[in-house]
């Protein structure tokens, strides 16, 4: 599989919403993703898809908001059948490149404290745990707050 990253578009929303359903117990709907897309078009966020070059299928996506001088990554999701193939890493790299190009100083995110795979990827990319949000998620799991300086 050959992968490439591109900016999300209106046509991508159904595939993104389907990945969201596969990845989250309380998934965002298409309306929520359309709101995120409008923020992207207004220059307030980053919204990327990872695609298979041969099929054009959306394999994953990433959303991040620009806030003051930093970026808050709100979601990185990869379809379960395509995990562990470097897709989340490629999406993170794209966010970091764009944040650096925009002159932003750091990145932050929350991750469920029992999501070992995601925590491992973020640590590999230089994110550090800087705090915790108790019972942050609907299922009462805590969130780790992670930061990375650019």
C-alpha atoms as a PDB file:
ATOM      1  CA  UNK A   1       0.000   0.000   0.000  1.00  0.00           C
ATOM      2  CA  UNK A   2       1.240   3.454  -0.914  1.00  0.00           C
ATOM      3  CA  UNK A   3       0.098   6.165   1.452  1.00  0.00           C
ATOM      4  CA  UNK A   4      -0.313   9.887   0.984  1.00  0.00           C
ATOM      5  CA  UNK A   5      -1.652  12.700   3.159  1.00  0.00           C
ATOM      6  CA  UNK A   6      -3.952  15.432   1.860  1.00  0.00           C
ATOM      7  CA  UNK A   7      -6.213  18.128   3.229  1.00  0.00           C
ATOM      8  CA  UNK A   8      -9.699  16.883   4.044  1.00  0.00           C
ATOM      9  CA  UNK A   9     -12.588  17.838   1.783  1.00  0.00           C
ATOM     10  CA  UNK A  10     -16.377  17.736   1.944  1.00  0.00           C
ATOM     11  CA  UNK A  11     -16.351  14.530  -0.112  1.00  0.00           C
ATOM     12  CA  UNK A  12     -14.210  12.814   2.546  1.00  0.00           C
ATOM     13  CA  UNK A  13     -16.710  13.329   5.375  1.00  0.00           C
ATOM     14  CA  UNK A  14     -18.715  10.076   4.918  1.00  0.00           C
ATOM     15  CA  UNK A  15     -15.532   7.962   4.982  1.00  0.00           C
ATOM     16  CA  UNK A  16     -14.154   9.916   7.946  1.00  0.00           C
ATOM     17  CA  UNK A  17     -17.426   9.446   9.846  1.00  0.00           C
ATOM     18  CA  UNK A  18     -17.306   5.714   9.136  1.00  0.00           C
ATOM     19  CA  UNK A  19     -13.765   5.459  10.533  1.00  0.00           C
ATOM     20  CA  UNK A  20     -14.946   7.445  13.551  1.00  0.00           C
ATOM     21  CA  UNK A  21     -17.708   4.877  14.194  1.00  0.00           C
ATOM     22  CA  UNK A  22     -15.182   2.054  14.060  1.00  0.00           C
ATOM     23  CA  UNK A  23     -12.776   3.787  16.447  1.00  0.00           C
ATOM     24  CA  UNK A  24     -14.904   5.433  19.135  1.00  0.00           C
ATOM     25  CA  UNK A  25     -17.702   4.400  21.474  1.00  0.00           C
ATOM     26  CA  UNK A  26     -19.288   7.873  21.160  1.00  0.00           C
ATOM     27  CA  UNK A  27     -18.464   8.850  17.584  1.00  0.00           C
ATOM     28  CA  UNK A  28     -18.850  12.294  16.101  1.00  0.00           C
ATOM     29  CA  UNK A  29     -21.435  12.483  13.324  1.00  0.00           C
ATOM     30  CA  UNK A  30     -21.031  13.942   9.841  1.00  0.00           C
ATOM     31  CA  UNK A  31     -22.418  17.290  11.021  1.00  0.00           C
ATOM     32  CA  UNK A  32     -19.597  17.602  13.582  1.00  0.00           C
ATOM     33  CA  UNK A  33     -16.999  16.862  10.912  1.00  0.00           C
ATOM     34  CA  UNK A  34     -18.550  19.463   8.624  1.00  0.00           C
ATOM     35  CA  UNK A  35     -18.123  22.017  11.440  1.00  0.00           C
ATOM     36  CA  UNK A  36     -14.469  20.963  11.732  1.00  0.00           C
ATOM     37  CA  UNK A  37     -14.084  21.326   7.972  1.00  0.00           C
ATOM     38  CA  UNK A  38     -15.435  24.879   8.102  1.00  0.00           C
ATOM     39  CA  UNK A  39     -12.881  25.696  10.838  1.00  0.00           C
ATOM     40  CA  UNK A  40     -10.165  24.335   8.556  1.00  0.00           C
ATOM     41  CA  UNK A  41     -11.360  26.453   5.629  1.00  0.00           C
ATOM     42  CA  UNK A  42     -11.332  29.490   7.948  1.00  0.00           C
ATOM     43  CA  UNK A  43      -7.672  28.844   8.794  1.00  0.00           C
ATOM     44  CA  UNK A  44      -8.412  27.900  12.415  1.00  0.00           C
ATOM     45  CA  UNK A  45      -7.418  24.256  12.253  1.00  0.00           C
ATOM     46  CA  UNK A  46      -5.662  21.456  10.407  1.00  0.00           C
ATOM     47  CA  UNK A  47      -7.736  18.597   8.970  1.00  0.00           C
ATOM     48  CA  UNK A  48      -5.941  15.845   7.061  1.00  0.00           C
ATOM     49  CA  UNK A  49      -6.755  12.467   5.595  1.00  0.00           C
ATOM     50  CA  UNK A  50      -4.415   9.569   4.953  1.00  0.00           C
ATOM     51  CA  UNK A  51      -5.242   7.738   1.737  1.00  0.00           C
ATOM     52  CA  UNK A  52      -4.204   4.683  -0.194  1.00  0.00           C
ATOM     53  CA  UNK A  53      -2.679   5.953  -3.461  1.00  0.00           C
ATOM     54  CA  UNK A  54      -4.106   3.070  -5.484  1.00  0.00           C
ATOM     55  CA  UNK A  55      -7.699   2.999  -4.223  1.00  0.00           C
ATOM     56  CA  UNK A  56      -8.073   6.605  -2.935  1.00  0.00           C
ATOM     57  CA  UNK A  57      -9.708   5.083   0.164  1.00  0.00           C
ATOM     58  CA  UNK A  58      -9.480   7.188   3.338  1.00  0.00           C
ATOM     59  CA  UNK A  59      -7.547   5.079   5.860  1.00  0.00           C
ATOM     60  CA  UNK A  60      -7.331   7.627   8.669  1.00  0.00           C
ATOM     61  CA  UNK A  61      -7.677  11.276   9.555  1.00  0.00           C
ATOM     62  CA  UNK A  62      -6.346  13.892  11.948  1.00  0.00           C
ATOM     63  CA  UNK A  63      -7.865  17.086  13.342  1.00  0.00           C
ATOM     64  CA  UNK A  64      -6.022  19.829  15.204  1.00  0.00           C
ATOM     65  CA  UNK A  65      -7.027  23.333  16.282  1.00  0.00           C
ATOM     66  CA  UNK A  66      -4.730  26.347  16.215  1.00  0.00           C
ATOM     67  CA  UNK A  67      -4.982  28.054  19.601  1.00  0.00           C
ATOM     68  CA  UNK A  68      -2.877  31.153  20.289  1.00  0.00           C
ATOM     69  CA  UNK A  69       0.700  29.949  19.649  1.00  0.00           C
ATOM     70  CA  UNK A  70       0.099  26.193  19.907  1.00  0.00           C
ATOM     71  CA  UNK A  71      -1.883  23.350  18.339  1.00  0.00           C
ATOM     72  CA  UNK A  72      -4.395  21.153  20.144  1.00  0.00           C
ATOM     73  CA  UNK A  73      -4.695  17.771  18.447  1.00  0.00           C
ATOM     74  CA  UNK A  74      -8.283  16.708  18.955  1.00  0.00           C
ATOM     75  CA  UNK A  75      -8.330  13.468  17.006  1.00  0.00           C
ATOM     76  CA  UNK A  76      -6.071  11.045  15.177  1.00  0.00           C
ATOM     77  CA  UNK A  77      -7.911   7.928  14.023  1.00  0.00           C
ATOM     78  CA  UNK A  78      -7.006   5.054  11.720  1.00  0.00           C
ATOM     79  CA  UNK A  79      -9.386   2.404  10.463  1.00  0.00           C
ATOM     80  CA  UNK A  80      -8.743  -0.728  12.576  1.00  0.00           C
ATOM     81  CA  UNK A  81      -7.836  -2.878   9.571  1.00  0.00           C
ATOM     82  CA  UNK A  82      -5.008  -0.488   8.630  1.00  0.00           C
ATOM     83  CA  UNK A  83      -3.419   0.095  12.030  1.00  0.00           C
ATOM     84  CA  UNK A  84       0.264  -0.538  12.733  1.00  0.00           C
ATOM     85  CA  UNK A  85       1.269   0.522   9.226  1.00  0.00           C
ATOM     86  CA  UNK A  86       2.604   3.987  10.015  1.00  0.00           C
ATOM     87  CA  UNK A  87      -0.576   5.882   9.146  1.00  0.00           C
ATOM     88  CA  UNK A  88      -1.004   7.618  12.526  1.00  0.00           C
ATOM     89  CA  UNK A  89       2.696   8.522  12.427  1.00  0.00           C
ATOM     90  CA  UNK A  90       2.326  10.043   8.947  1.00  0.00           C
ATOM     91  CA  UNK A  91      -0.665  12.098  10.111  1.00  0.00           C
ATOM     92  CA  UNK A  92       1.229  13.327  13.185  1.00  0.00           C
ATOM     93  CA  UNK A  93       4.212  14.298  11.043  1.00  0.00           C
ATOM     94  CA  UNK A  94       1.928  16.308   8.762  1.00  0.00           C
ATOM     95  CA  UNK A  95       0.389  18.171  11.712  1.00  0.00           C
ATOM     96  CA  UNK A  96       3.853  18.927  13.090  1.00  0.00           C
ATOM     97  CA  UNK A  97       5.131  20.173   9.705  1.00  0.00           C
ATOM     98  CA  UNK A  98       2.139  22.457   9.298  1.00  0.00           C
ATOM     99  CA  UNK A  99       2.396  23.741  12.884  1.00  0.00           C
ATOM    100  CA  UNK A 100       6.085  24.483  12.431  1.00  0.00           C
ATOM    101  CA  UNK A 101       5.438  26.233   9.094  1.00  0.00           C
ATOM    102  CA  UNK A 102       2.749  28.350  10.767  1.00  0.00           C
ATOM    103  CA  UNK A 103       5.242  29.447  13.446  1.00  0.00           C
ATOM    104  CA  UNK A 104       3.433  27.683  16.286  1.00  0.00           C
ATOM    105  CA  UNK A 105       5.505  26.751  19.326  1.00  0.00           C
ATOM    106  CA  UNK A 106       4.057  23.502  20.638  1.00  0.00           C
ATOM    107  CA  UNK A 107       1.437  20.792  20.360  1.00  0.00           C
ATOM    108  CA  UNK A 108      -0.834  19.249  22.953  1.00  0.00           C
ATOM    109  CA  UNK A 109      -3.405  16.474  23.138  1.00  0.00           C
ATOM    110  CA  UNK A 110      -5.343  14.306  25.545  1.00  0.00           C
ATOM    111  CA  UNK A 111      -5.165  10.536  25.323  1.00  0.00           C
ATOM    112  CA  UNK A 112      -7.096   7.903  27.257  1.00  0.00           C
ATOM    113  CA  UNK A 113      -4.776   6.639  29.991  1.00  0.00           C
ATOM    114  CA  UNK A 114      -5.306   2.996  28.962  1.00  0.00           C
ATOM    115  CA  UNK A 115      -4.589   3.558  25.242  1.00  0.00           C
ATOM    116  CA  UNK A 116      -1.085   2.137  25.332  1.00  0.00           C
ATOM    117  CA  UNK A 117      -0.635   2.059  21.548  1.00  0.00           C
ATOM    118  CA  UNK A 118      -1.416   5.768  21.171  1.00  0.00           C
ATOM    119  CA  UNK A 119       0.668   6.751  24.206  1.00  0.00           C
ATOM    120  CA  UNK A 120       3.603   4.814  22.740  1.00  0.00           C
ATOM    121  CA  UNK A 121       3.327   6.636  19.385  1.00  0.00           C
ATOM    122  CA  UNK A 122       3.082  10.040  21.052  1.00  0.00           C
ATOM    123  CA  UNK A 123       6.098   9.361  23.282  1.00  0.00           C
ATOM    124  CA  UNK A 124       8.046   8.157  20.233  1.00  0.00           C
ATOM    125  CA  UNK A 125       7.317  11.542  18.651  1.00  0.00           C
ATOM    126  CA  UNK A 126       8.577  13.403  21.704  1.00  0.00           C
ATOM    127  CA  UNK A 127       5.331  14.158  23.525  1.00  0.00           C
ATOM    128  CA  UNK A 128       5.584  14.167  27.312  1.00  0.00           C
ATOM    129  CA  UNK A 129       2.882  13.616  29.918  1.00  0.00           C
ATOM    130  CA  UNK A 130       2.358  16.937  31.702  1.00  0.00           C
ATOM    131  CA  UNK A 131      -0.907  16.306  33.529  1.00  0.00           C
ATOM    132  CA  UNK A 132      -4.072  14.284  33.919  1.00  0.00           C
ATOM    133  CA  UNK A 133      -7.781  14.985  33.560  1.00  0.00           C
ATOM    134  CA  UNK A 134      -9.632  12.620  35.905  1.00  0.00           C
ATOM    135  CA  UNK A 135     -12.684  10.860  34.445  1.00  0.00           C
ATOM    136  CA  UNK A 136     -12.357  12.912  31.242  1.00  0.00           C
ATOM    137  CA  UNK A 137     -13.907  10.318  28.956  1.00  0.00           C
ATOM    138  CA  UNK A 138     -17.525   9.152  28.934  1.00  0.00           C
ATOM    139  CA  UNK A 139     -16.519   5.711  30.151  1.00  0.00           C
ATOM    140  CA  UNK A 140     -14.846   7.383  33.151  1.00  0.00           C
ATOM    141  CA  UNK A 141     -11.264   6.824  32.029  1.00  0.00           C
ATOM    142  CA  UNK A 142      -8.699   9.489  32.826  1.00  0.00           C
ATOM    143  CA  UNK A 143      -6.987  11.488  30.098  1.00  0.00           C
ATOM    144  CA  UNK A 144      -3.264  12.064  30.050  1.00  0.00           C
ATOM    145  CA  UNK A 145      -2.335  15.566  28.894  1.00  0.00           C
ATOM    146  CA  UNK A 146       0.696  15.417  26.631  1.00  0.00           C
ATOM    147  CA  UNK A 147       2.784  18.283  25.204  1.00  0.00           C
ATOM    148  CA  UNK A 148       5.555  18.644  22.667  1.00  0.00           C
ATOM    149  CA  UNK A 149       7.651  21.770  21.969  1.00  0.00           C
ATOM    150  CA  UNK A 150       8.569  22.409  18.359  1.00  0.00           C
END
